[in-house]
PDB file of N, CA and C in Angstrom:
ATOM      1  N   MET A   1     134.014 -38.483  66.158  1.00  0.00           N
ATOM      2  CA  MET A   1     133.401 -38.822  64.887  1.00  0.00           C
ATOM      3  C   MET A   1     133.601 -37.663  63.911  1.00  0.00           C
ATOM      4  N   SER A   2     133.931 -38.001  62.698  1.00  0.00           N
ATOM      5  CA  SER A   2     134.186 -36.993  61.685  1.00  0.00           C
ATOM      6  C   SER A   2     132.880 -36.389  61.176  1.00  0.00           C
ATOM      7  N   GLN A   3     132.988 -35.212  60.654  1.00  0.00           N
ATOM      8  CA  GLN A   3     131.830 -34.493  60.135  1.00  0.00           C
ATOM      9  C   GLN A   3     131.784 -34.627  58.612  1.00  0.00           C
ATOM     10  N   LEU A   4     130.601 -34.854  58.075  1.00  0.00           N
ATOM     11  CA  LEU A   4     130.415 -34.865  56.633  1.00  0.00           C
ATOM     12  C   LEU A   4     130.063 -33.459  56.179  1.00  0.00           C
ATOM     13  N   VAL A   5     130.641 -33.056  55.039  1.00  0.00           N
ATOM     14  CA  VAL A   5     130.344 -31.732  54.501  1.00  0.00           C
ATOM     15  C   VAL A   5     129.786 -31.877  53.088  1.00  0.00           C
ATOM     16  N   SER A   6     128.951 -30.956  52.711  1.00  0.00           N
ATOM     17  CA  SER A   6     128.315 -30.964  51.388  1.00  0.00           C
ATOM     18  C   SER A   6     129.338 -30.629  50.311  1.00  0.00           C
ATOM     19  N   ALA A   7     128.939 -30.805  49.067  1.00  0.00           N
ATOM     20  CA  ALA A   7     129.807 -30.476  47.937  1.00  0.00           C
ATOM     21  C   ALA A   7     130.166 -28.983  47.947  1.00  0.00           C
ATOM     22  N   ALA A   8     129.196 -28.132  48.263  1.00  0.00           N
ATOM     23  CA  ALA A   8     129.470 -26.692  48.309  1.00  0.00           C
ATOM     24  C   ALA A   8     130.504 -26.371  49.382  1.00  0.00           C
ATOM     25  N   GLU A   9     130.377 -26.996  50.540  1.00  0.00           N
ATOM     26  CA  GLU A   9     131.336 -26.775  51.625  1.00  0.00           C
ATOM     27  C   GLU A   9     132.699 -27.354  51.259  1.00  0.00           C
ATOM     28  N   GLN A  10     132.732 -28.503  50.595  1.00  0.00           N
ATOM     29  CA  GLN A  10     133.992 -29.102  50.134  1.00  0.00           C
ATOM     30  C   GLN A  10     134.719 -28.134  49.214  1.00  0.00           C
ATOM     31  N   ARG A  11     133.992 -27.532  48.292  1.00  0.00           N
ATOM     32  CA  ARG A  11     134.627 -26.594  47.364  1.00  0.00           C
ATOM     33  C   ARG A  11     135.165 -25.370  48.103  1.00  0.00           C
ATOM     34  N   ARG A  12     134.440 -24.905  49.106  1.00  0.00           N
ATOM     35  CA  ARG A  12     134.892 -23.764  49.901  1.00  0.00           C
ATOM     36  C   ARG A  12     136.157 -24.114  50.678  1.00  0.00           C
ATOM     37  N   ILE A  13     136.160 -25.281  51.333  1.00  0.00           N
ATOM     38  CA  ILE A  13     137.312 -25.727  52.114  1.00  0.00           C
ATOM     39  C   ILE A  13     138.561 -25.829  51.239  1.00  0.00           C
ATOM     40  N   CYS A  14     138.370 -26.253  50.005  1.00  0.00           N
ATOM     41  CA  CYS A  14     139.493 -26.453  49.079  1.00  0.00           C
ATOM     42  C   CYS A  14     139.883 -25.184  48.338  1.00  0.00           C
ATOM     43  N   GLY A  15     139.414 -24.049  48.786  1.00  0.00           N
ATOM     44  CA  GLY A  15     139.841 -22.782  48.199  1.00  0.00           C
ATOM     45  C   GLY A  15     138.861 -22.187  47.221  1.00  0.00           C
ATOM     46  N   ASN A  16     137.589 -22.445  47.425  1.00  0.00           N
ATOM     47  CA  ASN A  16     136.543 -21.925  46.529  1.00  0.00           C
ATOM     48  C   ASN A  16     136.740 -22.392  45.086  1.00  0.00           C
ATOM     49  N   VAL A  17     137.056 -23.678  44.942  1.00  0.00           N
ATOM     50  CA  VAL A  17     137.241 -24.241  43.609  1.00  0.00           C
ATOM     51  C   VAL A  17     135.882 -24.515  42.967  1.00  0.00           C
ATOM     52  N   SER A  18     135.901 -24.708  41.656  1.00  0.00           N
ATOM     53  CA  SER A  18     134.665 -24.974  40.923  1.00  0.00           C
ATOM     54  C   SER A  18     134.301 -26.462  40.989  1.00  0.00           C
ATOM     55  N   GLU A  19     133.081 -26.765  40.571  1.00  0.00           N
ATOM     56  CA  GLU A  19     132.663 -28.163  40.463  1.00  0.00           C
ATOM     57  C   GLU A  19     133.547 -28.905  39.468  1.00  0.00           C
ATOM     58  N   MET A  20     133.951 -28.233  38.391  1.00  0.00           N
ATOM     59  CA  MET A  20     134.802 -28.852  37.387  1.00  0.00           C
ATOM     60  C   MET A  20     136.170 -29.215  37.968  1.00  0.00           C
ATOM     61  N   THR A  21     136.715 -28.344  38.801  1.00  0.00           N
ATOM     62  CA  THR A  21     137.999 -28.638  39.440  1.00  0.00           C
ATOM     63  C   THR A  21     137.874 -29.873  40.321  1.00  0.00           C
ATOM     64  N   THR A  22     136.815 -29.943  41.099  1.00  0.00           N
ATOM     65  CA  THR A  22     136.588 -31.124  41.931  1.00  0.00           C
ATOM     66  C   THR A  22     136.495 -32.366  41.058  1.00  0.00           C
ATOM     67  N   TRP A  23     135.779 -32.292  39.966  1.00  0.00           N
ATOM     68  CA  TRP A  23     135.637 -33.433  39.053  1.00  0.00           C
ATOM     69  C   TRP A  23     137.002 -33.856  38.525  1.00  0.00           C
ATOM     70  N   ARG A  24     137.817 -32.883  38.127  1.00  0.00           N
ATOM     71  CA  ARG A  24     139.159 -33.197  37.614  1.00  0.00           C
ATOM     72  C   ARG A  24     140.000 -33.887  38.674  1.00  0.00           C
ATOM     73  N   TRP A  25     139.960 -33.366  39.896  1.00  0.00           N
ATOM     74  CA  TRP A  25     140.743 -33.977  40.969  1.00  0.00           C
ATOM     75  C   TRP A  25     140.300 -35.416  41.213  1.00  0.00           C
ATOM     76  N   LEU A  26     139.000 -35.647  41.188  1.00  0.00           N
ATOM     77  CA  LEU A  26     138.482 -37.000  41.410  1.00  0.00           C
ATOM     78  C   LEU A  26     138.879 -37.959  40.290  1.00  0.00           C
ATOM     79  N   ASN A  27     139.072 -37.435  39.090  1.00  0.00           N
ATOM     80  CA  ASN A  27     139.364 -38.278  37.931  1.00  0.00           C
ATOM     81  C   ASN A  27     140.846 -38.343  37.581  1.00  0.00           C
ATOM     82  N   ARG A  28     141.696 -37.807  38.436  1.00  0.00           N
ATOM     83  CA  ARG A  28     143.144 -37.909  38.267  1.00  0.00           C
ATOM     84  C   ARG A  28     143.697 -38.691  39.454  1.00  0.00           C
ATOM     85  N   PRO A  29     143.945 -39.991  39.279  1.00  0.00           N
ATOM     86  CA  PRO A  29     144.389 -40.831  40.399  1.00  0.00           C
ATOM     87  C   PRO A  29     145.611 -40.298  41.146  1.00  0.00           C
ATOM     88  N   GLU A  30     146.514 -39.635  40.427  1.00  0.00           N
ATOM     89  CA  GLU A  30     147.734 -39.129  41.074  1.00  0.00           C
ATOM     90  C   GLU A  30     147.436 -38.008  42.079  1.00  0.00           C
ATOM     91  N   MET A  31     146.251 -37.416  42.012  1.00  0.00           N
ATOM     92  CA  MET A  31     145.875 -36.367  42.960  1.00  0.00           C
ATOM     93  C   MET A  31     145.518 -36.942  44.332  1.00  0.00           C
ATOM     94  N   ASN A  32     145.085 -38.199  44.370  1.00  0.00           N
ATOM     95  CA  ASN A  32     144.661 -38.834  45.634  1.00  0.00           C
ATOM     96  C   ASN A  32     143.598 -38.031  46.370  1.00  0.00           C
ATOM     97  N   PHE A  33     142.722 -37.381  45.603  1.00  0.00           N
ATOM     98  CA  PHE A  33     141.662 -36.585  46.228  1.00  0.00           C
ATOM     99  C   PHE A  33     140.649 -37.524  46.880  1.00  0.00           C
ATOM    100  N   PRO A  34     140.208 -37.216  48.097  1.00  0.00           N
ATOM    101  CA  PRO A  34     139.250 -38.093  48.786  1.00  0.00           C
ATOM    102  C   PRO A  34     137.967 -38.306  47.984  1.00  0.00           C
ATOM    103  N   LYS A  35     137.498 -39.528  47.984  1.00  0.00           N
ATOM    104  CA  LYS A  35     136.255 -39.871  47.291  1.00  0.00           C
ATOM    105  C   LYS A  35     135.060 -39.443  48.147  1.00  0.00           C
ATOM    106  N   PRO A  36     134.007 -38.979  47.508  1.00  0.00           N
ATOM    107  CA  PRO A  36     132.818 -38.588  48.272  1.00  0.00           C
ATOM    108  C   PRO A  36     132.013 -39.811  48.718  1.00  0.00           C
ATOM    109  N   ILE A  37     131.150 -39.557  49.668  1.00  0.00           N
ATOM    110  CA  ILE A  37     130.178 -40.542  50.136  1.00  0.00           C
ATOM    111  C   ILE A  37     128.842 -40.122  49.546  1.00  0.00           C
ATOM    112  N   LYS A  38     128.155 -41.040  48.895  1.00  0.00           N
ATOM    113  CA  LYS A  38     126.849 -40.713  48.287  1.00  0.00           C
ATOM    114  C   LYS A  38     125.744 -40.971  49.302  1.00  0.00           C
ATOM    115  N   ILE A  39     124.899 -39.981  49.510  1.00  0.00           N
ATOM    116  CA  ILE A  39     123.715 -40.105  50.350  1.00  0.00           C
ATOM    117  C   ILE A  39     122.573 -39.447  49.580  1.00  0.00           C
ATOM    118  N   ALA A  40     121.543 -40.228  49.288  1.00  0.00           N
ATOM    119  CA  ALA A  40     120.383 -39.718  48.538  1.00  0.00           C
ATOM    120  C   ALA A  40     120.832 -39.023  47.248  1.00  0.00           C
ATOM    121  N   ASN A  41     121.774 -39.662  46.564  1.00  0.00           N
ATOM    122  CA  ASN A  41     122.289 -39.189  45.280  1.00  0.00           C
ATOM    123  C   ASN A  41     123.005 -37.834  45.356  1.00  0.00           C
ATOM    124  N   ARG A  42     123.473 -37.465  46.548  1.00  0.00           N
ATOM    125  CA  ARG A  42     124.262 -36.246  46.734  1.00  0.00           C
ATOM    126  C   ARG A  42     125.624 -36.636  47.295  1.00  0.00           C
ATOM    127  N   ASN A  43     126.632 -35.836  46.969  1.00  0.00           N
ATOM    128  CA  ASN A  43     127.989 -36.110  47.439  1.00  0.00           C
ATOM    129  C   ASN A  43     128.287 -35.371  48.736  1.00  0.00           C
ATOM    130  N   TYR A  44     128.914 -36.100  49.655  1.00  0.00           N
ATOM    131  CA  TYR A  44     129.390 -35.533  50.911  1.00  0.00           C
ATOM    132  C   TYR A  44     130.815 -36.015  51.127  1.00  0.00           C
ATOM    133  N   TRP A  45     131.623 -35.172  51.745  1.00  0.00           N
ATOM    134  CA  TRP A  45     133.010 -35.523  52.028  1.00  0.00           C
ATOM    135  C   TRP A  45     133.247 -35.535  53.525  1.00  0.00           C
ATOM    136  N   ASP A  46     134.171 -36.377  53.924  1.00  0.00           N
ATOM    137  CA  ASP A  46     134.626 -36.434  55.309  1.00  0.00           C
ATOM    138  C   ASP A  46     135.569 -35.239  55.513  1.00  0.00           C
ATOM    139  N   ARG A  47     135.224 -34.351  56.429  1.00  0.00           N
ATOM    140  CA  ARG A  47     136.027 -33.142  56.660  1.00  0.00           C
ATOM    141  C   ARG A  47     137.470 -33.487  57.028  1.00  0.00           C
ATOM    142  N   ASP A  48     137.665 -34.501  57.858  1.00  0.00           N
ATOM    143  CA  ASP A  48     139.021 -34.887  58.258  1.00  0.00           C
ATOM    144  C   ASP A  48     139.847 -35.339  57.057  1.00  0.00           C
ATOM    145  N   GLU A  49     139.232 -36.091  56.131  1.00  0.00           N
ATOM    146  CA  GLU A  49     139.942 -36.539  54.936  1.00  0.00           C
ATOM    147  C   GLU A  49     140.333 -35.357  54.055  1.00  0.00           C
ATOM    148  N   LEU A  50     139.442 -34.385  53.920  1.00  0.00           N
ATOM    149  CA  LEU A  50     139.758 -33.193  53.122  1.00  0.00           C
ATOM    150  C   LEU A  50     140.920 -32.417  53.741  1.00  0.00           C
ATOM    151  N   GLU A  51     140.875 -32.224  55.050  1.00  0.00           N
ATOM    152  CA  GLU A  51     141.934 -31.475  55.715  1.00  0.00           C
ATOM    153  C   GLU A  51     143.264 -32.202  55.633  1.00  0.00           C
ATOM    154  N   ALA A  52     143.245 -33.535  55.742  1.00  0.00           N
ATOM    155  CA  ALA A  52     144.474 -34.319  55.610  1.00  0.00           C
ATOM    156  C   ALA A  52     145.026 -34.215  54.190  1.00  0.00           C
ATOM    157  N   TRP A  53     144.140 -34.218  53.184  1.00  0.00           N
ATOM    158  CA  TRP A  53     144.565 -34.092  51.793  1.00  0.00           C
ATOM    159  C   TRP A  53     145.227 -32.734  51.563  1.00  0.00           C
ATOM    160  N   ILE A  54     144.625 -31.688  52.091  1.00  0.00           N
ATOM    161  CA  ILE A  54     145.198 -30.346  51.941  1.00  0.00           C
ATOM    162  C   ILE A  54     146.568 -30.290  52.599  1.00  0.00           C
ATOM    163  N   GLU A  55     146.690 -30.829  53.801  1.00  0.00           N
ATOM    164  CA  GLU A  55     147.981 -30.861  54.503  1.00  0.00           C
ATOM    165  C   GLU A  55     149.033 -31.617  53.693  1.00  0.00           C
ATOM    166  N   SER A  56     148.642 -32.726  53.070  1.00  0.00           N
ATOM    167  CA  SER A  56     149.596 -33.499  52.268  1.00  0.00           C
ATOM    168  C   SER A  56     150.050 -32.702  51.045  1.00  0.00           C
ATOM    169  N   ARG A  57     149.147 -31.940  50.442  1.00  0.00           N
ATOM    170  CA  ARG A  57     149.512 -31.114  49.287  1.00  0.00           C
ATOM    171  C   ARG A  57     150.476 -30.000  49.719  1.00  0.00           C
ATOM    172  N   LEU A  58     150.234 -29.415  50.883  1.00  0.00           N
ATOM    173  CA  LEU A  58     151.131 -28.373  51.387  1.00  0.00           C
ATOM    174  C   LEU A  58     152.508 -28.948  51.687  1.00  0.00           C
ATOM    175  N   ALA A  59     152.530 -30.135  52.279  1.00  0.00           N
ATOM    176  CA  ALA A  59     153.811 -30.789  52.603  1.00  0.00           C
ATOM    177  C   ALA A  59     154.579 -31.111  51.323  1.00  0.00           C
ATOM    178  N   GLU A  60     153.866 -31.547  50.279  1.00  0.00           N
ATOM    179  CA  GLU A  60     154.493 -31.825  48.991  1.00  0.00           C
ATOM    180  C   GLU A  60     155.141 -30.580  48.421  1.00  0.00           C
ATOM    181  N   ARG A  61     154.429 -29.475  48.512  1.00  0.00           N
ATOM    182  CA  ARG A  61     154.931 -28.212  47.981  1.00  0.00           C
ATOM    183  C   ARG A  61     156.186 -27.777  48.714  1.00  0.00           C
ATOM    184  N   GLU A  62     156.194 -27.960  50.036  1.00  0.00           N
ATOM    185  CA  GLU A  62     157.336 -27.536  50.851  1.00  0.00           C
ATOM    186  C   GLU A  62     158.553 -28.432  50.615  1.00  0.00           C
ATOM    187  N   ALA A  63     158.323 -29.676  50.195  1.00  0.00           N
ATOM    188  CA  ALA A  63     159.420 -30.607  49.974  1.00  0.00           C
ATOM    189  C   ALA A  63     160.167 -30.335  48.667  1.00  0.00           C
ATOM    190  N   VAL A  64     159.572 -29.517  47.812  1.00  0.00           N
ATOM    191  CA  VAL A  64     160.196 -29.236  46.503  1.00  0.00           C
ATOM    192  C   VAL A  64     161.255 -28.177  46.623  1.00  0.00           C
TER     193      VAL A  64
END
């Protein structure tokens, strides 16, 4: 079973990005950034989805 991580942990996993960066990624469809899961009006992310997204971005960079 995958682990859910808080917004603060999501930002740390993604390289200590800001809340604004996360918002931008979520609002740019071409980024394919994983959508959060809302629980009690707070955002949580699936850790496996975040790690897969990061891997896909690295693979994209290497393909250039």
